[in-house]
């Protein structure tokens, strides 16, 4: 069984290397390419560090760095995948450096020679060593869950549940098993289960990125080429949506979600998601609402007759429950704060 675990280990390692190559050569932005590549490299580092022959080699300490960074890379990957406004920031690099320093310090303390009298202290250090990794896993799960209902991309909507939560569960189990079996050999069946889990996720992710271009293989009885069209959407949905949002200004309703909007329109939620995404070009329902709200807010802030209205009053009138999300959405769209916008239009 141990040999089978090693076979899985190296098959998965090869798959991860292929995944990184595909990502580097892909046309996605660096803000998505770097986190996905980093996660693949960290999983690769963990698989190799976990191999007993490597643990006796000097290279072990070099490979330990990406292995330790795995929970952080999971959080970063979740952010890049599910947050459309995600951008790599300098502070993220500083957080990574600080995280590595803390974890390496714990590693040195935990794995130094300790006699039996210090066993309890060693256990405390081991548990403390896993607090930060668990925190990043939790943050990664929150990133996947946050905004799920507002996601208008069907494939990504399903991917949140089917991939991220499974990956988070795997990391949780890995960390908890390391705490439970600290200083002891993990049972072979648990090791095998973990490697099967990692292999499945790695091959799934690589397969989803590996697309053969047309013409590489000869296909007999090739059907006639059909022109790709947008998915069929009932025009009645678009008409009713336009009436609600443009004529009745339904976007002013506080706490409006796509589910509530679908119920009001008496249409199926997935059809409404498809209409807004495929025909109006929005990836997120909140961005769809912001497009109406911020446009109207700009008009009010530019109107001298409305100068007595406070920013908070305008936010409430636009359907926001508080000032913070209004300010964030306004700056994201206009690159200015509401106050600066009003000042520039009134001067």
C-alpha atoms as a PDB file:
ATOM      1  CA  UNK A   1       0.000   0.000   0.000  1.00  0.00           C
ATOM      2  CA  UNK A   2       2.895   2.356   0.717  1.00  0.00           C
ATOM      3  CA  UNK A   3       4.132   1.844  -2.847  1.00  0.00           C
ATOM      4  CA  UNK A   4       0.699   2.738  -4.179  1.00  0.00           C
ATOM      5  CA  UNK A   5       0.768   5.929  -2.100  1.00  0.00           C
ATOM      6  CA  UNK A   6       4.132   6.819  -3.668  1.00  0.00           C
ATOM      7  CA  UNK A   7       2.790   6.122  -7.169  1.00  0.00           C
ATOM      8  CA  UNK A   8      -0.119   8.481  -6.484  1.00  0.00           C
ATOM      9  CA  UNK A   9       2.307  11.027  -5.060  1.00  0.00           C
ATOM     10  CA  UNK A  10       4.451  11.213  -8.196  1.00  0.00           C
ATOM     11  CA  UNK A  11       1.538  11.001 -10.616  1.00  0.00           C
ATOM     12  CA  UNK A  12      -0.016  13.974  -8.841  1.00  0.00           C
ATOM     13  CA  UNK A  13       3.325  15.812  -8.793  1.00  0.00           C
ATOM     14  CA  UNK A  14       3.605  15.420 -12.573  1.00  0.00           C
ATOM     15  CA  UNK A  15       0.036  16.631 -12.996  1.00  0.00           C
ATOM     16  CA  UNK A  16       0.745  19.708 -10.864  1.00  0.00           C
ATOM     17  CA  UNK A  17       3.854  20.555 -12.890  1.00  0.00           C
ATOM     18  CA  UNK A  18       1.755  20.298 -16.058  1.00  0.00           C
ATOM     19  CA  UNK A  19      -0.889  22.535 -14.472  1.00  0.00           C
ATOM     20  CA  UNK A  20       1.676  25.241 -13.699  1.00  0.00           C
ATOM     21  CA  UNK A  21       2.971  25.105 -17.294  1.00  0.00           C
ATOM     22  CA  UNK A  22      -0.579  25.430 -18.640  1.00  0.00           C
ATOM     23  CA  UNK A  23      -1.278  28.367 -16.322  1.00  0.00           C
ATOM     24  CA  UNK A  24       1.942  30.183 -17.249  1.00  0.00           C
ATOM     25  CA  UNK A  25       1.142  29.826 -20.950  1.00  0.00           C
ATOM     26  CA  UNK A  26      -2.532  30.761 -20.551  1.00  0.00           C
ATOM     27  CA  UNK A  27      -4.006  34.153 -21.373  1.00  0.00           C
ATOM     28  CA  UNK A  28      -5.532  34.852 -17.960  1.00  0.00           C
ATOM     29  CA  UNK A  29      -4.325  37.892 -16.029  1.00  0.00           C
ATOM     30  CA  UNK A  30      -1.444  37.692 -13.576  1.00  0.00           C
ATOM     31  CA  UNK A  31      -3.913  38.427 -10.782  1.00  0.00           C
ATOM     32  CA  UNK A  32      -5.433  34.977 -11.436  1.00  0.00           C
ATOM     33  CA  UNK A  33      -2.428  33.182 -12.914  1.00  0.00           C
ATOM     34  CA  UNK A  34      -0.061  33.795  -9.988  1.00  0.00           C
ATOM     35  CA  UNK A  35      -2.379  32.595  -7.159  1.00  0.00           C
ATOM     36  CA  UNK A  36      -3.352  29.428  -9.088  1.00  0.00           C
ATOM     37  CA  UNK A  37       0.288  28.667  -9.914  1.00  0.00           C
ATOM     38  CA  UNK A  38       1.333  29.351  -6.327  1.00  0.00           C
ATOM     39  CA  UNK A  39      -1.297  26.938  -5.015  1.00  0.00           C
ATOM     40  CA  UNK A  40      -0.094  24.205  -7.414  1.00  0.00           C
ATOM     41  CA  UNK A  41       3.528  24.754  -6.378  1.00  0.00           C
ATOM     42  CA  UNK A  42       2.636  24.666  -2.674  1.00  0.00           C
ATOM     43  CA  UNK A  43       0.696  21.393  -3.058  1.00  0.00           C
ATOM     44  CA  UNK A  44       3.651  20.000  -5.021  1.00  0.00           C
ATOM     45  CA  UNK A  45       6.018  21.059  -2.233  1.00  0.00           C
ATOM     46  CA  UNK A  46       3.790  19.432   0.377  1.00  0.00           C
ATOM     47  CA  UNK A  47       3.685  16.129  -1.538  1.00  0.00           C
ATOM     48  CA  UNK A  48       7.476  15.977  -1.851  1.00  0.00           C
ATOM     49  CA  UNK A  49       8.199  17.090   1.720  1.00  0.00           C
ATOM     50  CA  UNK A  50       5.791  14.418   2.937  1.00  0.00           C
ATOM     51  CA  UNK A  51       7.909  11.732   1.195  1.00  0.00           C
ATOM     52  CA  UNK A  52      10.093  10.071   3.838  1.00  0.00           C
ATOM     53  CA  UNK A  53      13.325   9.751   1.747  1.00  0.00           C
ATOM     54  CA  UNK A  54      13.328  13.526   1.138  1.00  0.00           C
ATOM     55  CA  UNK A  55      13.044  14.259   4.861  1.00  0.00           C
ATOM     56  CA  UNK A  56      16.602  12.998   5.306  1.00  0.00           C
ATOM     57  CA  UNK A  57      18.020  15.309   2.617  1.00  0.00           C
ATOM     58  CA  UNK A  58      19.152  18.977   2.831  1.00  0.00           C
ATOM     59  CA  UNK A  59      16.611  19.799   0.085  1.00  0.00           C
ATOM     60  CA  UNK A  60      13.877  19.099   2.636  1.00  0.00           C
ATOM     61  CA  UNK A  61      14.328  22.534   4.224  1.00  0.00           C
ATOM     62  CA  UNK A  62      14.089  24.284   0.850  1.00  0.00           C
ATOM     63  CA  UNK A  63      10.923  22.405  -0.098  1.00  0.00           C
ATOM     64  CA  UNK A  64       9.457  23.062   3.334  1.00  0.00           C
ATOM     65  CA  UNK A  65       8.769  26.725   2.449  1.00  0.00           C
ATOM     66  CA  UNK A  66       6.104  26.124  -0.255  1.00  0.00           C
ATOM     67  CA  UNK A  67       4.615  23.319   1.861  1.00  0.00           C
ATOM     68  CA  UNK A  68       4.184  25.671   4.814  1.00  0.00           C
ATOM     69  CA  UNK A  69       2.696  28.368   2.534  1.00  0.00           C
ATOM     70  CA  UNK A  70      -0.113  26.011   1.361  1.00  0.00           C
ATOM     71  CA  UNK A  71      -2.929  27.448   3.565  1.00  0.00           C
ATOM     72  CA  UNK A  72      -2.007  31.016   2.560  1.00  0.00           C
ATOM     73  CA  UNK A  73      -1.942  30.062  -1.132  1.00  0.00           C
ATOM     74  CA  UNK A  74      -5.361  28.417  -0.742  1.00  0.00           C
ATOM     75  CA  UNK A  75      -6.802  31.662   0.646  1.00  0.00           C
ATOM     76  CA  UNK A  76      -5.159  33.718  -2.118  1.00  0.00           C
ATOM     77  CA  UNK A  77      -6.466  31.356  -4.804  1.00  0.00           C
ATOM     78  CA  UNK A  78     -10.001  31.585  -3.376  1.00  0.00           C
ATOM     79  CA  UNK A  79      -9.812  35.364  -3.435  1.00  0.00           C
ATOM     80  CA  UNK A  80      -8.599  35.483  -7.032  1.00  0.00           C
ATOM     81  CA  UNK A  81     -11.211  32.998  -8.231  1.00  0.00           C
ATOM     82  CA  UNK A  82     -14.332  34.360  -6.591  1.00  0.00           C
ATOM     83  CA  UNK A  83     -13.680  38.077  -6.186  1.00  0.00           C
ATOM     84  CA  UNK A  84     -14.003  39.820  -9.558  1.00  0.00           C
ATOM     85  CA  UNK A  85     -12.334  42.922  -8.149  1.00  0.00           C
ATOM     86  CA  UNK A  86      -9.326  40.982  -6.808  1.00  0.00           C
ATOM     87  CA  UNK A  87      -5.884  42.467  -7.421  1.00  0.00           C
ATOM     88  CA  UNK A  88      -2.511  41.361  -6.107  1.00  0.00           C
ATOM     89  CA  UNK A  89      -1.291  43.864  -3.523  1.00  0.00           C
ATOM     90  CA  UNK A  90       2.074  44.453  -1.891  1.00  0.00           C
ATOM     91  CA  UNK A  91       0.633  43.860   1.570  1.00  0.00           C
ATOM     92  CA  UNK A  92      -0.244  40.300   0.534  1.00  0.00           C
ATOM     93  CA  UNK A  93       3.435  39.581  -0.028  1.00  0.00           C
ATOM     94  CA  UNK A  94       4.239  41.038   3.388  1.00  0.00           C
ATOM     95  CA  UNK A  95       1.567  38.849   4.993  1.00  0.00           C
ATOM     96  CA  UNK A  96       3.075  35.802   3.284  1.00  0.00           C
ATOM     97  CA  UNK A  97       6.570  36.651   4.554  1.00  0.00           C
ATOM     98  CA  UNK A  98       5.273  37.178   8.090  1.00  0.00           C
ATOM     99  CA  UNK A  99       3.297  33.931   7.950  1.00  0.00           C
ATOM    100  CA  UNK A 100       6.357  31.964   6.798  1.00  0.00           C
ATOM    101  CA  UNK A 101       8.561  33.472   9.507  1.00  0.00           C
ATOM    102  CA  UNK A 102       6.063  32.592  12.236  1.00  0.00           C
ATOM    103  CA  UNK A 103       5.523  29.055  10.951  1.00  0.00           C
ATOM    104  CA  UNK A 104       9.242  28.387  10.466  1.00  0.00           C
ATOM    105  CA  UNK A 105       9.869  29.567  14.016  1.00  0.00           C
ATOM    106  CA  UNK A 106       7.251  27.136  15.298  1.00  0.00           C
ATOM    107  CA  UNK A 107       8.786  24.402  13.153  1.00  0.00           C
ATOM    108  CA  UNK A 108      12.241  24.912  14.679  1.00  0.00           C
ATOM    109  CA  UNK A 109      10.801  24.878  18.215  1.00  0.00           C
ATOM    110  CA  UNK A 110       8.556  21.893  17.536  1.00  0.00           C
ATOM    111  CA  UNK A 111      11.147  19.628  15.932  1.00  0.00           C
ATOM    112  CA  UNK A 112      14.097  20.266  18.153  1.00  0.00           C
ATOM    113  CA  UNK A 113      15.103  17.550  20.627  1.00  0.00           C
ATOM    114  CA  UNK A 114      12.723  17.621  23.565  1.00  0.00           C
ATOM    115  CA  UNK A 115      12.817  15.150  26.415  1.00  0.00           C
ATOM    116  CA  UNK A 116       9.756  13.469  27.881  1.00  0.00           C
ATOM    117  CA  UNK A 117       9.291  16.118  30.562  1.00  0.00           C
ATOM    118  CA  UNK A 118       8.590  18.722  27.865  1.00  0.00           C
ATOM    119  CA  UNK A 119       6.044  16.605  25.994  1.00  0.00           C
ATOM    120  CA  UNK A 120       3.105  18.809  27.059  1.00  0.00           C
ATOM    121  CA  UNK A 121       4.939  21.963  25.970  1.00  0.00           C
ATOM    122  CA  UNK A 122       5.697  20.334  22.646  1.00  0.00           C
ATOM    123  CA  UNK A 123       1.994  19.533  22.222  1.00  0.00           C
ATOM    124  CA  UNK A 124       1.050  23.169  22.937  1.00  0.00           C
ATOM    125  CA  UNK A 125       3.599  24.379  20.379  1.00  0.00           C
ATOM    126  CA  UNK A 126       2.224  21.906  17.829  1.00  0.00           C
ATOM    127  CA  UNK A 127      -1.349  23.167  18.293  1.00  0.00           C
ATOM    128  CA  UNK A 128      -0.214  26.812  18.164  1.00  0.00           C
ATOM    129  CA  UNK A 129       1.662  26.029  14.963  1.00  0.00           C
ATOM    130  CA  UNK A 130      -1.621  25.171  13.223  1.00  0.00           C
ATOM    131  CA  UNK A 131      -3.750  28.130  14.384  1.00  0.00           C
ATOM    132  CA  UNK A 132      -2.693  30.464  11.567  1.00  0.00           C
ATOM    133  CA  UNK A 133      -3.017  27.811   8.825  1.00  0.00           C
ATOM    134  CA  UNK A 134      -6.527  26.992  10.054  1.00  0.00           C
ATOM    135  CA  UNK A 135      -7.341  30.699   9.988  1.00  0.00           C
ATOM    136  CA  UNK A 136      -6.340  30.996   6.334  1.00  0.00           C
ATOM    137  CA  UNK A 137      -8.398  27.910   5.481  1.00  0.00           C
ATOM    138  CA  UNK A 138     -11.423  29.488   7.166  1.00  0.00           C
ATOM    139  CA  UNK A 139     -10.820  32.734   5.249  1.00  0.00           C
ATOM    140  CA  UNK A 140     -10.614  30.721   2.032  1.00  0.00           C
ATOM    141  CA  UNK A 141     -13.976  29.106   2.771  1.00  0.00           C
ATOM    142  CA  UNK A 142     -15.468  32.525   3.526  1.00  0.00           C
ATOM    143  CA  UNK A 143     -14.154  33.799   0.179  1.00  0.00           C
ATOM    144  CA  UNK A 144     -15.943  30.919  -1.560  1.00  0.00           C
ATOM    145  CA  UNK A 145     -19.195  31.409   0.339  1.00  0.00           C
ATOM    146  CA  UNK A 146     -19.219  35.200   0.236  1.00  0.00           C
ATOM    147  CA  UNK A 147     -21.160  36.516  -2.712  1.00  0.00           C
ATOM    148  CA  UNK A 148     -22.193  33.048  -3.869  1.00  0.00           C
ATOM    149  CA  UNK A 149     -25.828  34.033  -4.313  1.00  0.00           C
ATOM    150  CA  UNK A 150     -24.819  37.073  -6.375  1.00  0.00           C
ATOM    151  CA  UNK A 151     -22.577  35.090  -8.754  1.00  0.00           C
ATOM    152  CA  UNK A 152     -24.035  35.169 -12.273  1.00  0.00           C
ATOM    153  CA  UNK A 153     -21.544  32.750 -13.884  1.00  0.00           C
ATOM    154  CA  UNK A 154     -23.210  29.329 -13.772  1.00  0.00           C
ATOM    155  CA  UNK A 155     -20.008  27.263 -13.936  1.00  0.00           C
ATOM    156  CA  UNK A 156     -18.327  29.278 -11.190  1.00  0.00           C
ATOM    157  CA  UNK A 157     -21.500  29.228  -9.092  1.00  0.00           C
ATOM    158  CA  UNK A 158     -21.353  25.410  -9.014  1.00  0.00           C
ATOM    159  CA  UNK A 159     -17.550  25.345  -8.752  1.00  0.00           C
ATOM    160  CA  UNK A 160     -17.687  27.183  -5.432  1.00  0.00           C
ATOM    161  CA  UNK A 161     -19.410  24.230  -3.776  1.00  0.00           C
ATOM    162  CA  UNK A 162     -17.881  21.320  -5.649  1.00  0.00           C
ATOM    163  CA  UNK A 163     -14.237  22.321  -5.473  1.00  0.00           C
ATOM    164  CA  UNK A 164     -13.388  24.900  -2.829  1.00  0.00           C
ATOM    165  CA  UNK A 165     -15.258  23.280   0.045  1.00  0.00           C
ATOM    166  CA  UNK A 166     -13.791  19.872  -0.814  1.00  0.00           C
ATOM    167  CA  UNK A 167     -10.314  21.384  -0.973  1.00  0.00           C
ATOM    168  CA  UNK A 168     -10.845  23.189   2.306  1.00  0.00           C
ATOM    169  CA  UNK A 169     -12.014  19.950   3.923  1.00  0.00           C
ATOM    170  CA  UNK A 170      -8.857  18.233   2.698  1.00  0.00           C
ATOM    171  CA  UNK A 171      -6.606  20.912   4.173  1.00  0.00           C
ATOM    172  CA  UNK A 172      -8.592  20.864   7.412  1.00  0.00           C
ATOM    173  CA  UNK A 173      -8.174  17.093   7.694  1.00  0.00           C
ATOM    174  CA  UNK A 174      -4.485  17.339   6.866  1.00  0.00           C
ATOM    175  CA  UNK A 175      -3.816  19.945   9.530  1.00  0.00           C
ATOM    176  CA  UNK A 176      -5.911  18.187  12.164  1.00  0.00           C
ATOM    177  CA  UNK A 177      -4.247  14.832  11.448  1.00  0.00           C
ATOM    178  CA  UNK A 178      -0.838  16.490  11.816  1.00  0.00           C
ATOM    179  CA  UNK A 179      -1.908  17.736  15.236  1.00  0.00           C
ATOM    180  CA  UNK A 180      -3.334  14.370  16.292  1.00  0.00           C
ATOM    181  CA  UNK A 181      -0.353  12.322  15.065  1.00  0.00           C
ATOM    182  CA  UNK A 182       2.394  14.846  15.786  1.00  0.00           C
ATOM    183  CA  UNK A 183       5.692  13.020  16.102  1.00  0.00           C
ATOM    184  CA  UNK A 184       4.112   9.716  15.015  1.00  0.00           C
ATOM    185  CA  UNK A 185       3.526   7.990  11.694  1.00  0.00           C
ATOM    186  CA  UNK A 186       0.128   8.735  10.177  1.00  0.00           C
ATOM    187  CA  UNK A 187      -1.838   5.498   9.511  1.00  0.00           C
ATOM    188  CA  UNK A 188      -1.330   4.267   5.947  1.00  0.00           C
ATOM    189  CA  UNK A 189      -5.048   4.291   5.108  1.00  0.00           C
ATOM    190  CA  UNK A 190      -5.306   7.991   6.070  1.00  0.00           C
ATOM    191  CA  UNK A 191      -2.218   8.771   4.008  1.00  0.00           C
ATOM    192  CA  UNK A 192      -3.700   6.901   1.041  1.00  0.00           C
ATOM    193  CA  UNK A 193      -7.045   8.682   1.401  1.00  0.00           C
ATOM    194  CA  UNK A 194      -5.313  12.052   1.477  1.00  0.00           C
ATOM    195  CA  UNK A 195      -3.207  11.295  -1.621  1.00  0.00           C
ATOM    196  CA  UNK A 196      -6.281  10.040  -3.495  1.00  0.00           C
ATOM    197  CA  UNK A 197      -8.072  13.252  -2.603  1.00  0.00           C
ATOM    198  CA  UNK A 198      -5.173  15.439  -3.725  1.00  0.00           C
ATOM    199  CA  UNK A 199      -4.712  13.428  -6.932  1.00  0.00           C
ATOM    200  CA  UNK A 200      -8.388  13.715  -7.819  1.00  0.00           C
ATOM    201  CA  UNK A 201      -8.438  17.476  -7.340  1.00  0.00           C
ATOM    202  CA  UNK A 202      -5.167  17.980  -9.199  1.00  0.00           C
ATOM    203  CA  UNK A 203      -6.253  15.928 -12.220  1.00  0.00           C
ATOM    204  CA  UNK A 204      -9.658  17.632 -12.235  1.00  0.00           C
ATOM    205  CA  UNK A 205      -8.094  21.091 -12.228  1.00  0.00           C
ATOM    206  CA  UNK A 206      -5.497  20.195 -14.879  1.00  0.00           C
ATOM    207  CA  UNK A 207      -8.148  18.580 -17.063  1.00  0.00           C
ATOM    208  CA  UNK A 208     -10.353  21.654 -16.861  1.00  0.00           C
ATOM    209  CA  UNK A 209      -7.469  23.774 -18.179  1.00  0.00           C
ATOM    210  CA  UNK A 210      -6.253  21.341 -20.864  1.00  0.00           C
ATOM    211  CA  UNK A 211      -8.261  21.992 -24.034  1.00  0.00           C
ATOM    212  CA  UNK A 212      -7.195  20.504 -27.363  1.00  0.00           C
ATOM    213  CA  UNK A 213      -7.478  22.890 -30.296  1.00  0.00           C
ATOM    214  CA  UNK A 214      -9.590  21.889 -33.266  1.00  0.00           C
ATOM    215  CA  UNK A 215      -7.590  20.214 -36.031  1.00  0.00           C
ATOM    216  CA  UNK A 216      -5.068  18.341 -33.872  1.00  0.00           C
ATOM    217  CA  UNK A 217      -6.848  15.034 -34.556  1.00  0.00           C
ATOM    218  CA  UNK A 218      -8.647  13.776 -37.634  1.00  0.00           C
ATOM    219  CA  UNK A 219     -12.305  13.165 -36.849  1.00  0.00           C
ATOM    220  CA  UNK A 220     -14.246  10.911 -39.222  1.00  0.00           C
ATOM    221  CA  UNK A 221     -17.762  11.979 -40.205  1.00  0.00           C
ATOM    222  CA  UNK A 222     -17.260  15.449 -38.788  1.00  0.00           C
ATOM    223  CA  UNK A 223     -20.650  17.152 -38.505  1.00  0.00           C
ATOM    224  CA  UNK A 224     -21.209  20.474 -40.288  1.00  0.00           C
ATOM    225  CA  UNK A 225     -19.698  23.467 -38.518  1.00  0.00           C
ATOM    226  CA  UNK A 226     -22.301  25.394 -36.610  1.00  0.00           C
ATOM    227  CA  UNK A 227     -22.035  29.029 -35.662  1.00  0.00           C
ATOM    228  CA  UNK A 228     -21.900  29.507 -31.919  1.00  0.00           C
ATOM    229  CA  UNK A 229     -24.815  31.481 -30.562  1.00  0.00           C
ATOM    230  CA  UNK A 230     -25.683  32.894 -27.195  1.00  0.00           C
ATOM    231  CA  UNK A 231     -27.813  30.667 -24.972  1.00  0.00           C
ATOM    232  CA  UNK A 232     -31.517  31.018 -25.580  1.00  0.00           C
ATOM    233  CA  UNK A 233     -33.078  33.528 -23.235  1.00  0.00           C
ATOM    234  CA  UNK A 234     -36.751  34.355 -23.137  1.00  0.00           C
ATOM    235  CA  UNK A 235     -37.122  37.898 -24.430  1.00  0.00           C
ATOM    236  CA  UNK A 236     -39.996  38.324 -22.007  1.00  0.00           C
ATOM    237  CA  UNK A 237     -37.489  38.088 -19.129  1.00  0.00           C
ATOM    238  CA  UNK A 238     -35.373  40.892 -20.561  1.00  0.00           C
ATOM    239  CA  UNK A 239     -38.448  43.006 -21.210  1.00  0.00           C
ATOM    240  CA  UNK A 240     -39.779  42.494 -17.691  1.00  0.00           C
ATOM    241  CA  UNK A 241     -36.322  43.141 -16.218  1.00  0.00           C
ATOM    242  CA  UNK A 242     -35.986  46.409 -18.128  1.00  0.00           C
ATOM    243  CA  UNK A 243     -39.432  47.505 -16.982  1.00  0.00           C
ATOM    244  CA  UNK A 244     -38.651  46.786 -13.334  1.00  0.00           C
ATOM    245  CA  UNK A 245     -35.180  48.305 -13.246  1.00  0.00           C
ATOM    246  CA  UNK A 246     -35.527  51.261 -15.631  1.00  0.00           C
ATOM    247  CA  UNK A 247     -39.159  52.272 -15.305  1.00  0.00           C
ATOM    248  CA  UNK A 248     -40.023  51.244 -11.748  1.00  0.00           C
ATOM    249  CA  UNK A 249     -36.477  51.727 -10.382  1.00  0.00           C
ATOM    250  CA  UNK A 250     -36.764  48.474  -8.449  1.00  0.00           C
ATOM    251  CA  UNK A 251     -33.011  48.651  -7.792  1.00  0.00           C
ATOM    252  CA  UNK A 252     -33.771  51.129  -4.982  1.00  0.00           C
ATOM    253  CA  UNK A 253     -35.169  48.287  -2.862  1.00  0.00           C
ATOM    254  CA  UNK A 254     -32.881  47.677   0.118  1.00  0.00           C
ATOM    255  CA  UNK A 255     -31.522  44.148   0.470  1.00  0.00           C
ATOM    256  CA  UNK A 256     -32.466  43.213  -3.080  1.00  0.00           C
ATOM    257  CA  UNK A 257     -31.028  39.841  -4.168  1.00  0.00           C
ATOM    258  CA  UNK A 258     -31.320  37.957  -7.420  1.00  0.00           C
ATOM    259  CA  UNK A 259     -33.568  35.428  -5.701  1.00  0.00           C
ATOM    260  CA  UNK A 260     -35.985  38.153  -4.560  1.00  0.00           C
ATOM    261  CA  UNK A 261     -35.892  39.743  -7.990  1.00  0.00           C
ATOM    262  CA  UNK A 262     -36.666  36.402  -9.660  1.00  0.00           C
ATOM    263  CA  UNK A 263     -39.588  35.870  -7.271  1.00  0.00           C
ATOM    264  CA  UNK A 264     -40.926  39.341  -8.066  1.00  0.00           C
ATOM    265  CA  UNK A 265     -40.633  38.687 -11.799  1.00  0.00           C
ATOM    266  CA  UNK A 266     -42.066  35.170 -11.340  1.00  0.00           C
ATOM    267  CA  UNK A 267     -39.275  33.586 -13.375  1.00  0.00           C
ATOM    268  CA  UNK A 268     -36.767  30.851 -12.596  1.00  0.00           C
ATOM    269  CA  UNK A 269     -33.651  32.141 -10.896  1.00  0.00           C
ATOM    270  CA  UNK A 270     -31.177  30.371 -13.210  1.00  0.00           C
ATOM    271  CA  UNK A 271     -32.865  31.927 -16.270  1.00  0.00           C
ATOM    272  CA  UNK A 272     -32.562  35.397 -14.756  1.00  0.00           C
ATOM    273  CA  UNK A 273     -28.870  34.751 -13.976  1.00  0.00           C
ATOM    274  CA  UNK A 274     -28.339  33.690 -17.575  1.00  0.00           C
ATOM    275  CA  UNK A 275     -30.089  36.784 -18.941  1.00  0.00           C
ATOM    276  CA  UNK A 276     -28.090  39.258 -16.840  1.00  0.00           C
ATOM    277  CA  UNK A 277     -24.782  37.493 -17.459  1.00  0.00           C
ATOM    278  CA  UNK A 278     -25.008  36.529 -21.127  1.00  0.00           C
ATOM    279  CA  UNK A 279     -27.038  39.454 -22.465  1.00  0.00           C
ATOM    280  CA  UNK A 280     -26.131  42.343 -20.172  1.00  0.00           C
ATOM    281  CA  UNK A 281     -22.511  41.330 -19.530  1.00  0.00           C
ATOM    282  CA  UNK A 282     -22.457  41.330 -15.725  1.00  0.00           C
ATOM    283  CA  UNK A 283     -20.547  38.639 -13.806  1.00  0.00           C
ATOM    284  CA  UNK A 284     -22.017  39.554 -10.437  1.00  0.00           C
ATOM    285  CA  UNK A 285     -25.520  40.643  -9.418  1.00  0.00           C
ATOM    286  CA  UNK A 286     -24.198  43.270  -7.018  1.00  0.00           C
ATOM    287  CA  UNK A 287     -22.274  44.899  -9.879  1.00  0.00           C
ATOM    288  CA  UNK A 288     -25.519  44.906 -11.855  1.00  0.00           C
ATOM    289  CA  UNK A 289     -27.243  46.801  -9.023  1.00  0.00           C
ATOM    290  CA  UNK A 290     -24.296  49.168  -8.580  1.00  0.00           C
ATOM    291  CA  UNK A 291     -24.524  50.171 -12.243  1.00  0.00           C
ATOM    292  CA  UNK A 292     -27.992  51.638 -11.583  1.00  0.00           C
ATOM    293  CA  UNK A 293     -27.411  52.967  -8.101  1.00  0.00           C
ATOM    294  CA  UNK A 294     -24.107  54.724  -8.656  1.00  0.00           C
ATOM    295  CA  UNK A 295     -25.316  56.270 -11.925  1.00  0.00           C
ATOM    296  CA  UNK A 296     -28.272  57.830 -10.111  1.00  0.00           C
ATOM    297  CA  UNK A 297     -26.099  58.820  -7.146  1.00  0.00           C
ATOM    298  CA  UNK A 298     -23.763  60.698  -9.498  1.00  0.00           C
ATOM    299  CA  UNK A 299     -26.741  62.684 -10.792  1.00  0.00           C
ATOM    300  CA  UNK A 300     -27.836  63.644  -7.272  1.00  0.00           C
ATOM    301  CA  UNK A 301     -24.305  64.575  -6.221  1.00  0.00           C
ATOM    302  CA  UNK A 302     -23.959  66.785  -9.314  1.00  0.00           C
ATOM    303  CA  UNK A 303     -27.287  68.557  -8.794  1.00  0.00           C
ATOM    304  CA  UNK A 304     -26.947  71.931  -6.995  1.00  0.00           C
ATOM    305  CA  UNK A 305     -30.553  71.649  -5.873  1.00  0.00           C
ATOM    306  CA  UNK A 306     -29.660  68.468  -3.923  1.00  0.00           C
ATOM    307  CA  UNK A 307     -26.601  69.875  -2.175  1.00  0.00           C
ATOM    308  CA  UNK A 308     -28.348  69.736   1.207  1.00  0.00           C
ATOM    309  CA  UNK A 309     -28.662  65.967   0.975  1.00  0.00           C
ATOM    310  CA  UNK A 310     -25.964  64.210   2.987  1.00  0.00           C
ATOM    311  CA  UNK A 311     -23.940  61.361   1.520  1.00  0.00           C
ATOM    312  CA  UNK A 312     -25.635  58.988   3.964  1.00  0.00           C
ATOM    313  CA  UNK A 313     -29.106  60.112   2.879  1.00  0.00           C
ATOM    314  CA  UNK A 314     -28.188  59.530  -0.760  1.00  0.00           C
ATOM    315  CA  UNK A 315     -26.831  56.081   0.108  1.00  0.00           C
ATOM    316  CA  UNK A 316     -30.102  55.159   1.810  1.00  0.00           C
ATOM    317  CA  UNK A 317     -32.094  56.530  -1.123  1.00  0.00           C
ATOM    318  CA  UNK A 318     -30.071  54.355  -3.514  1.00  0.00           C
ATOM    319  CA  UNK A 319     -30.982  51.215  -1.565  1.00  0.00           C
ATOM    320  CA  UNK A 320     -27.796  50.774   0.503  1.00  0.00           C
ATOM    321  CA  UNK A 321     -28.199  49.696   4.111  1.00  0.00           C
ATOM    322  CA  UNK A 322     -25.131  51.655   5.261  1.00  0.00           C
ATOM    323  CA  UNK A 323     -22.522  54.117   4.060  1.00  0.00           C
ATOM    324  CA  UNK A 324     -19.538  51.745   3.744  1.00  0.00           C
ATOM    325  CA  UNK A 325     -20.792  49.601   0.812  1.00  0.00           C
ATOM    326  CA  UNK A 326     -22.003  52.733  -0.981  1.00  0.00           C
ATOM    327  CA  UNK A 327     -18.595  54.415  -0.663  1.00  0.00           C
ATOM    328  CA  UNK A 328     -16.811  51.244  -1.791  1.00  0.00           C
ATOM    329  CA  UNK A 329     -19.032  50.751  -4.859  1.00  0.00           C
ATOM    330  CA  UNK A 330     -18.876  54.447  -5.763  1.00  0.00           C
ATOM    331  CA  UNK A 331     -15.090  54.569  -5.655  1.00  0.00           C
ATOM    332  CA  UNK A 332     -14.783  51.295  -7.536  1.00  0.00           C
ATOM    333  CA  UNK A 333     -16.846  52.659 -10.430  1.00  0.00           C
ATOM    334  CA  UNK A 334     -15.801  56.329 -10.503  1.00  0.00           C
ATOM    335  CA  UNK A 335     -12.317  56.173  -8.881  1.00  0.00           C
ATOM    336  CA  UNK A 336     -13.515  58.962  -6.594  1.00  0.00           C
ATOM    337  CA  UNK A 337     -15.269  59.177  -3.244  1.00  0.00           C
ATOM    338  CA  UNK A 338     -18.816  60.611  -3.229  1.00  0.00           C
ATOM    339  CA  UNK A 339     -17.538  63.695  -1.425  1.00  0.00           C
ATOM    340  CA  UNK A 340     -14.781  64.293  -3.999  1.00  0.00           C
ATOM    341  CA  UNK A 341     -17.262  63.746  -6.826  1.00  0.00           C
ATOM    342  CA  UNK A 342     -19.668  66.335  -5.396  1.00  0.00           C
ATOM    343  CA  UNK A 343     -16.834  68.788  -4.802  1.00  0.00           C
ATOM    344  CA  UNK A 344     -15.579  68.422  -8.377  1.00  0.00           C
ATOM    345  CA  UNK A 345     -19.046  68.999  -9.846  1.00  0.00           C
ATOM    346  CA  UNK A 346     -19.963  71.907  -7.592  1.00  0.00           C
ATOM    347  CA  UNK A 347     -16.742  73.869  -8.108  1.00  0.00           C
END
